[in-house]
C-alpha atoms as a PDB file:
ATOM      1  CA  MET A   1    -109.398  15.019  39.449  1.00  0.00           C
ATOM      2  CA  LEU A   2    -107.088  16.735  41.443  1.00  0.00           C
ATOM      3  CA  VAL A   3    -106.169  13.645  43.752  1.00  0.00           C
ATOM      4  CA  ARG A   4    -105.373  11.615  40.380  1.00  0.00           C
ATOM      5  CA  ARG A   5    -103.086  14.507  39.019  1.00  0.00           C
ATOM      6  CA  ALA A   6    -101.225  15.036  42.524  1.00  0.00           C
ATOM      7  CA  LEU A   7    -100.773  10.964  42.563  1.00  0.00           C
ATOM      8  CA  ALA A   8     -99.567  11.108  39.078  1.00  0.00           C
ATOM      9  CA  LEU A   9     -97.069  14.163  39.999  1.00  0.00           C
ATOM     10  CA  ALA A  10     -95.860  12.272  43.177  1.00  0.00           C
ATOM     11  CA  GLY A  11     -95.090   9.243  40.981  1.00  0.00           C
ATOM     12  CA  ALA A  12     -93.421  11.008  38.293  1.00  0.00           C
ATOM     13  CA  VAL A  13     -91.234  12.914  41.310  1.00  0.00           C
ATOM     14  CA  THR A  14     -90.422   9.609  42.912  1.00  0.00           C
ATOM     15  CA  ALA A  15     -89.548   7.786  39.473  1.00  0.00           C
ATOM     16  CA  ALA A  16     -87.164  10.571  38.661  1.00  0.00           C
ATOM     17  CA  ALA A  17     -85.323  10.470  41.769  1.00  0.00           C
ATOM     18  CA  PHE A  18     -84.771   6.786  41.572  1.00  0.00           C
ATOM     19  CA  THR A  19     -83.598   7.173  38.101  1.00  0.00           C
ATOM     20  CA  ALA A  20     -80.761   9.774  39.608  1.00  0.00           C
ATOM     21  CA  CYS A  21     -79.773   7.698  42.463  1.00  0.00           C
ATOM     22  CA  LYS A  22     -77.339   5.231  41.686  1.00  0.00           C
ATOM     23  CA  GLU A  23     -77.715   3.259  45.064  1.00  0.00           C
ATOM     24  CA  PRO A  24     -81.220   3.945  46.564  1.00  0.00           C
ATOM     25  CA  PRO A  25     -81.170   4.132  50.157  1.00  0.00           C
ATOM     26  CA  PHE A  26     -83.850   1.256  49.997  1.00  0.00           C
ATOM     27  CA  ALA A  27     -81.743  -1.191  47.814  1.00  0.00           C
ATOM     28  CA  PRO A  28     -80.847  -4.480  49.215  1.00  0.00           C
ATOM     29  CA  ARG A  29     -77.643  -4.756  50.778  1.00  0.00           C
ATOM     30  CA  TRP A  30     -75.757  -7.810  51.862  1.00  0.00           C
ATOM     31  CA  ASP A  31     -72.325  -9.393  52.401  1.00  0.00           C
ATOM     32  CA  ALA A  32     -71.242 -12.535  50.438  1.00  0.00           C
ATOM     33  CA  ASP A  33     -67.956 -14.249  50.559  1.00  0.00           C
ATOM     34  CA  TRP A  34     -65.918 -14.200  47.385  1.00  0.00           C
ATOM     35  CA  TYR A  35     -63.168 -16.975  46.359  1.00  0.00           C
ATOM     36  CA  MET A  36     -59.993 -15.707  44.783  1.00  0.00           C
ATOM     37  CA  PRO A  37     -57.117 -18.189  43.626  1.00  0.00           C
ATOM     38  CA  LEU A  38     -53.462 -16.716  43.789  1.00  0.00           C
ATOM     39  CA  SER A  39     -50.461 -17.176  41.415  1.00  0.00           C
ATOM     40  CA  THR A  40     -48.194 -19.772  42.290  1.00  0.00           C
ATOM     41  CA  GLN A  41     -46.022 -22.605  41.085  1.00  0.00           C
ATOM     42  CA  PRO A  42     -44.577 -25.695  42.126  1.00  0.00           C
ATOM     43  CA  ILE A  43     -41.119 -25.717  43.585  1.00  0.00           C
ATOM     44  CA  ASN A  44     -38.812 -28.366  41.874  1.00  0.00           C
ATOM     45  CA  LEU A  45     -37.122 -30.667  44.746  1.00  0.00           C
ATOM     46  CA  ASN A  46     -34.309 -32.101  42.363  1.00  0.00           C
ATOM     47  CA  ALA A  47     -33.490 -28.526  41.225  1.00  0.00           C
ATOM     48  CA  ALA A  48     -33.468 -27.278  44.970  1.00  0.00           C
ATOM     49  CA  PHE A  49     -30.805 -29.962  46.076  1.00  0.00           C
ATOM     50  CA  GLY A  50     -28.183 -29.319  43.361  1.00  0.00           C
ATOM     51  CA  GLY A  51     -30.025 -31.192  40.265  1.00  0.00           C
ATOM     52  CA  VAL A  52     -27.962 -34.467  41.129  1.00  0.00           C
ATOM     53  CA  GLY A  53     -31.459 -36.593  41.429  1.00  0.00           C
ATOM     54  CA  VAL A  54     -30.560 -37.445  45.189  1.00  0.00           C
ATOM     55  CA  ILE A  55     -30.989 -35.615  48.514  1.00  0.00           C
ATOM     56  CA  PRO A  56     -28.332 -36.537  51.074  1.00  0.00           C
ATOM     57  CA  GLY A  57     -29.018 -37.911  54.741  1.00  0.00           C
ATOM     58  CA  SER A  58     -29.823 -34.876  56.898  1.00  0.00           C
ATOM     59  CA  ALA A  59     -29.417 -32.431  54.177  1.00  0.00           C
ATOM     60  CA  SER A  60     -31.334 -29.165  53.779  1.00  0.00           C
ATOM     61  CA  ALA A  61     -31.492 -26.603  51.119  1.00  0.00           C
ATOM     62  CA  PRO A  62     -33.269 -23.098  50.517  1.00  0.00           C
ATOM     63  CA  VAL A  63     -36.759 -23.553  48.380  1.00  0.00           C
ATOM     64  CA  SER A  64     -38.696 -20.883  46.752  1.00  0.00           C
ATOM     65  CA  PHE A  65     -40.575 -19.904  43.523  1.00  0.00           C
ATOM     66  CA  PRO A  66     -39.869 -16.372  41.784  1.00  0.00           C
ATOM     67  CA  PRO A  67     -42.361 -13.754  42.795  1.00  0.00           C
ATOM     68  CA  GLN A  68     -45.655 -13.922  40.952  1.00  0.00           C
ATOM     69  CA  GLN A  69     -47.364 -10.759  39.889  1.00  0.00           C
ATOM     70  CA  GLN A  70     -51.195 -10.903  39.921  1.00  0.00           C
ATOM     71  CA  SER A  71     -53.140  -8.256  38.567  1.00  0.00           C
ATOM     72  CA  VAL A  72     -56.124  -6.870  40.508  1.00  0.00           C
ATOM     73  CA  SER A  73     -57.571  -4.603  37.758  1.00  0.00           C
ATOM     74  CA  GLY A  74     -61.057  -4.862  36.165  1.00  0.00           C
ATOM     75  CA  VAL A  75     -63.643  -7.072  38.012  1.00  0.00           C
ATOM     76  CA  LEU A  76     -61.227  -8.387  40.574  1.00  0.00           C
ATOM     77  CA  GLY A  77     -60.538  -4.750  41.341  1.00  0.00           C
ATOM     78  CA  ASP A  78     -64.010  -3.973  41.762  1.00  0.00           C
ATOM     79  CA  VAL A  79     -64.309  -7.122  43.999  1.00  0.00           C
ATOM     80  CA  LEU A  80     -61.481  -5.993  46.214  1.00  0.00           C
ATOM     81  CA  LYS A  81     -62.167  -2.510  46.726  1.00  0.00           C
ATOM     82  CA  ASN A  82     -65.694  -3.575  48.225  1.00  0.00           C
ATOM     83  CA  MET A  83     -64.096  -5.568  50.742  1.00  0.00           C
ATOM     84  CA  VAL A  84     -65.925  -5.479  54.120  1.00  0.00           C
ATOM     85  CA  THR A  85     -63.495  -4.040  56.918  1.00  0.00           C
ATOM     86  CA  ASP A  86     -65.927  -3.586  59.616  1.00  0.00           C
ATOM     87  CA  PRO A  87     -64.893  -6.633  61.949  1.00  0.00           C
ATOM     88  CA  SER A  88     -68.391  -6.627  63.572  1.00  0.00           C
ATOM     89  CA  ARG A  89     -69.761  -7.903  60.600  1.00  0.00           C
ATOM     90  CA  CYS A  90     -67.710 -10.984  60.873  1.00  0.00           C
ATOM     91  CA  SER A  91     -68.846 -14.101  62.111  1.00  0.00           C
ATOM     92  CA  SER A  92     -65.733 -15.771  61.704  1.00  0.00           C
ATOM     93  CA  SER A  93     -63.564 -14.317  64.321  1.00  0.00           C
ATOM     94  CA  ALA A  94     -64.178 -12.228  67.509  1.00  0.00           C
ATOM     95  CA  ASN A  95     -61.020 -10.867  67.509  1.00  0.00           C
ATOM     96  CA  PRO A  96     -61.368  -6.996  66.336  1.00  0.00           C
ATOM     97  CA  SER A  97     -57.845  -6.923  64.788  1.00  0.00           C
ATOM     98  CA  LEU A  98     -58.655  -9.662  62.550  1.00  0.00           C
ATOM     99  CA  SER A  99     -61.219  -9.893  59.464  1.00  0.00           C
ATOM    100  CA  CYS A 100     -63.655 -11.556  57.745  1.00  0.00           C
ATOM    101  CA  ASP A 101     -61.291 -12.589  55.273  1.00  0.00           C
ATOM    102  CA  MET A 102     -59.309 -15.850  55.063  1.00  0.00           C
ATOM    103  CA  LEU A 103     -55.985 -17.129  53.706  1.00  0.00           C
ATOM    104  CA  LYS A 104     -55.827 -20.834  52.526  1.00  0.00           C
ATOM    105  CA  MET A 105     -52.435 -22.483  51.567  1.00  0.00           C
ATOM    106  CA  THR A 106     -52.085 -26.059  50.371  1.00  0.00           C
ATOM    107  CA  ILE A 107     -48.860 -27.951  50.063  1.00  0.00           C
ATOM    108  CA  THR A 108     -48.582 -31.492  48.453  1.00  0.00           C
ATOM    109  CA  LYS A 109     -45.310 -33.666  48.013  1.00  0.00           C
ATOM    110  CA  SER A 110     -44.450 -37.362  47.222  1.00  0.00           C
ATOM    111  CA  LYS A 111     -41.299 -37.541  48.928  1.00  0.00           C
ATOM    112  CA  PRO A 112     -40.505 -37.766  52.724  1.00  0.00           C
ATOM    113  CA  VAL A 113     -39.172 -34.427  52.818  1.00  0.00           C
ATOM    114  CA  ALA A 114     -39.965 -31.838  55.842  1.00  0.00           C
ATOM    115  CA  ALA A 115     -40.242 -28.409  55.051  1.00  0.00           C
ATOM    116  CA  GLN A 116     -40.671 -24.964  56.973  1.00  0.00           C
ATOM    117  CA  ASP A 117     -42.205 -22.439  54.308  1.00  0.00           C
ATOM    118  CA  THR A 118     -43.619 -18.998  54.460  1.00  0.00           C
ATOM    119  CA  LEU A 119     -46.384 -17.544  52.133  1.00  0.00           C
ATOM    120  CA  PHE A 120     -45.939 -13.907  51.458  1.00  0.00           C
ATOM    121  CA  VAL A 121     -48.224 -11.585  49.832  1.00  0.00           C
ATOM    122  CA  ALA A 122     -47.690  -8.048  49.374  1.00  0.00           C
ATOM    123  CA  SER A 123     -48.337  -4.581  47.227  1.00  0.00           C
ATOM    124  CA  ALA A 124     -45.037  -4.528  45.666  1.00  0.00           C
ATOM    125  CA  GLN A 125     -42.194  -7.013  45.122  1.00  0.00           C
ATOM    126  CA  ALA A 126     -39.946  -5.013  47.520  1.00  0.00           C
ATOM    127  CA  ASN A 127     -42.425  -5.974  50.276  1.00  0.00           C
ATOM    128  CA  LEU A 128     -42.169  -9.640  49.947  1.00  0.00           C
ATOM    129  CA  ASN A 129     -39.523  -9.344  52.799  1.00  0.00           C
ATOM    130  CA  ALA A 130     -42.407  -8.306  55.004  1.00  0.00           C
ATOM    131  CA  ALA A 131     -41.341  -4.833  55.064  1.00  0.00           C
ATOM    132  CA  GLY A 132     -44.523  -3.343  53.633  1.00  0.00           C
ATOM    133  CA  PRO A 133     -47.518  -2.323  55.514  1.00  0.00           C
ATOM    134  CA  GLY A 134     -50.227  -4.899  55.235  1.00  0.00           C
ATOM    135  CA  THR A 135     -47.933  -7.288  54.217  1.00  0.00           C
ATOM    136  CA  VAL A 136     -49.294 -11.098  54.566  1.00  0.00           C
ATOM    137  CA  VAL A 137     -46.757 -13.280  56.428  1.00  0.00           C
ATOM    138  CA  PHE A 138     -47.982 -16.726  56.595  1.00  0.00           C
ATOM    139  CA  PRO A 139     -45.743 -19.849  57.670  1.00  0.00           C
ATOM    140  CA  ILE A 140     -46.606 -23.170  57.307  1.00  0.00           C
ATOM    141  CA  SER A 141     -44.673 -26.600  58.187  1.00  0.00           C
ATOM    142  CA  LEU A 142     -44.838 -30.058  56.797  1.00  0.00           C
ATOM    143  CA  LEU A 143     -43.338 -33.121  58.559  1.00  0.00           C
ATOM    144  CA  ALA A 144     -41.760 -35.872  56.525  1.00  0.00           C
ATOM    145  CA  SER A 145     -44.919 -38.161  57.136  1.00  0.00           C
ATOM    146  CA  ASP A 146     -47.084 -35.458  55.596  1.00  0.00           C
ATOM    147  CA  GLY A 147     -48.228 -35.953  52.081  1.00  0.00           C
ATOM    148  CA  THR A 148     -50.434 -33.132  51.937  1.00  0.00           C
ATOM    149  CA  LYS A 149     -50.745 -30.196  54.458  1.00  0.00           C
ATOM    150  CA  VAL A 150     -53.615 -27.354  54.537  1.00  0.00           C
ATOM    151  CA  ASP A 151     -53.564 -24.514  56.901  1.00  0.00           C
ATOM    152  CA  SER A 152     -55.533 -21.415  56.843  1.00  0.00           C
ATOM    153  CA  VAL A 153     -55.175 -17.977  58.672  1.00  0.00           C
ATOM    154  CA  PHE A 154     -57.552 -14.780  59.062  1.00  0.00           C
ATOM    155  CA  LEU A 155     -56.090 -11.729  57.635  1.00  0.00           C
ATOM    156  CA  THR A 156     -55.297  -8.769  59.877  1.00  0.00           C
ATOM    157  CA  GLN A 157     -57.194  -5.367  59.000  1.00  0.00           C
ATOM    158  CA  ALA A 158     -53.750  -4.036  57.625  1.00  0.00           C
ATOM    159  CA  SER A 159     -53.549  -6.931  55.106  1.00  0.00           C
ATOM    160  CA  VAL A 160     -57.178  -6.317  54.120  1.00  0.00           C
ATOM    161  CA  SER A 161     -56.670  -2.532  53.517  1.00  0.00           C
ATOM    162  CA  MET A 162     -53.385  -3.554  51.514  1.00  0.00           C
ATOM    163  CA  LEU A 163     -55.701  -5.845  49.220  1.00  0.00           C
ATOM    164  CA  LYS A 164     -58.595  -3.321  49.113  1.00  0.00           C
ATOM    165  CA  THR A 165     -56.215  -0.278  48.495  1.00  0.00           C
ATOM    166  CA  ALA A 166     -54.684  -2.571  45.272  1.00  0.00           C
ATOM    167  CA  GLY A 167     -58.203  -3.079  44.038  1.00  0.00           C
ATOM    168  CA  GLN A 168     -59.059   0.606  44.072  1.00  0.00           C
ATOM    169  CA  ASN A 169     -55.950   1.423  42.168  1.00  0.00           C
ATOM    170  CA  GLY A 170     -56.142  -1.331  39.836  1.00  0.00           C
ATOM    171  CA  SER A 171     -52.899  -2.385  40.272  1.00  0.00           C
ATOM    172  CA  SER A 172     -51.456  -5.974  41.316  1.00  0.00           C
ATOM    173  CA  VAL A 173     -50.202  -7.842  44.168  1.00  0.00           C
ATOM    174  CA  TRP A 174     -47.257 -10.056  44.506  1.00  0.00           C
ATOM    175  CA  ILE A 175     -46.984 -13.418  46.038  1.00  0.00           C
ATOM    176  CA  GLN A 176     -44.072 -15.852  46.664  1.00  0.00           C
ATOM    177  CA  VAL A 177     -43.372 -18.799  48.834  1.00  0.00           C
ATOM    178  CA  ARG A 178     -39.927 -19.380  50.341  1.00  0.00           C
ATOM    179  CA  GLY A 179     -38.173 -21.243  52.830  1.00  0.00           C
ATOM    180  CA  ARG A 180     -36.185 -24.569  53.524  1.00  0.00           C
ATOM    181  CA  ALA A 181     -36.762 -28.218  52.684  1.00  0.00           C
ATOM    182  CA  SER A 182     -34.519 -31.150  54.537  1.00  0.00           C
ATOM    183  CA  ASN A 183     -34.128 -34.555  54.628  1.00  0.00           C
ATOM    184  CA  PRO A 184     -34.823 -35.667  58.379  1.00  0.00           C
ATOM    185  CA  SER A 185     -33.385 -39.154  57.603  1.00  0.00           C
ATOM    186  CA  ALA A 186     -30.008 -40.434  57.409  1.00  0.00           C
ATOM    187  CA  SER A 187     -31.089 -42.213  54.242  1.00  0.00           C
ATOM    188  CA  PRO A 188     -30.792 -40.580  50.869  1.00  0.00           C
ATOM    189  CA  ILE A 189     -34.002 -39.822  49.003  1.00  0.00           C
ATOM    190  CA  VAL A 190     -33.971 -40.390  45.145  1.00  0.00           C
ATOM    191  CA  VAL A 191     -35.776 -37.393  43.357  1.00  0.00           C
ATOM    192  CA  THR A 192     -36.469 -36.781  39.740  1.00  0.00           C
ATOM    193  CA  ASN A 193     -37.590 -33.315  38.200  1.00  0.00           C
ATOM    194  CA  ALA A 194     -41.366 -34.500  38.738  1.00  0.00           C
ATOM    195  CA  ASP A 195     -40.899 -34.253  42.206  1.00  0.00           C
ATOM    196  CA  THR A 196     -42.136 -30.793  43.829  1.00  0.00           C
ATOM    197  CA  LEU A 197     -43.723 -28.920  46.330  1.00  0.00           C
ATOM    198  CA  GLY A 198     -46.816 -28.389  44.809  1.00  0.00           C
ATOM    199  CA  ILE A 199     -48.487 -25.255  46.372  1.00  0.00           C
ATOM    200  CA  THR A 200     -52.161 -23.620  45.980  1.00  0.00           C
ATOM    201  CA  THR A 201     -52.964 -20.588  47.549  1.00  0.00           C
ATOM    202  CA  SER A 202     -56.483 -18.605  47.786  1.00  0.00           C
ATOM    203  CA  VAL A 203     -58.105 -15.708  49.337  1.00  0.00           C
ATOM    204  CA  THR A 204     -61.736 -15.905  50.706  1.00  0.00           C
ATOM    205  CA  VAL A 205     -63.036 -12.205  51.075  1.00  0.00           C
ATOM    206  CA  ARG A 206     -66.217 -10.793  52.348  1.00  0.00           C
ATOM    207  CA  VAL A 207     -67.471  -8.125  49.842  1.00  0.00           C
ATOM    208  CA  ALA A 208     -70.576  -5.494  50.178  1.00  0.00           C
ATOM    209  CA  PHE A 209     -73.114  -5.958  47.675  1.00  0.00           C
ATOM    210  CA  VAL A 210     -75.697  -3.483  46.595  1.00  0.00           C
ATOM    211  CA  HIS A 211     -78.574  -4.479  44.203  1.00  0.00           C
ATOM    212  CA  LYS A 212     -79.452  -1.748  42.042  1.00  0.00           C
END
């Protein structure tokens, strides 16, 4: 009888302790990669070269889209604030200055223009000039013969901290692509408003989960 009472008491105490603890020490923990698209828009080639419907031979012009603001509040903020910052938990890179997290950019085009563009991701619009701590600066080049170019880069620890802080604050990140496009041939290229540099970007982040 005494043994039964003792076991019942121990069980009650254990149950109470489990209920009071939000993250019990024996709860399963694991890391998982999470995909987050970033806000972008296509760059109109006709408008970039004056809107006259032709890109002259050997001509070049600046190209960009306006800064895009992307909120990272709510569920997205919860994900970002749980980003893994310990490089020893990464299987993707042995460089301790880099993280588990990867930024990917895809550019597509239908006209034989060349381009030298840079993707910027920052915690504030003023930091899109790479002045801010953790601002992502990701250059990408396209040859005239490229129809689609896909490239990716591992984020630095400073960039991860920037994204994680934005998630903790429930604020925003800012995204912009800008650079130059050119016609490397001597012959003009006819363009319409349907001819663009199509741009998609995303971040794959490693997040720590706890099963409660």
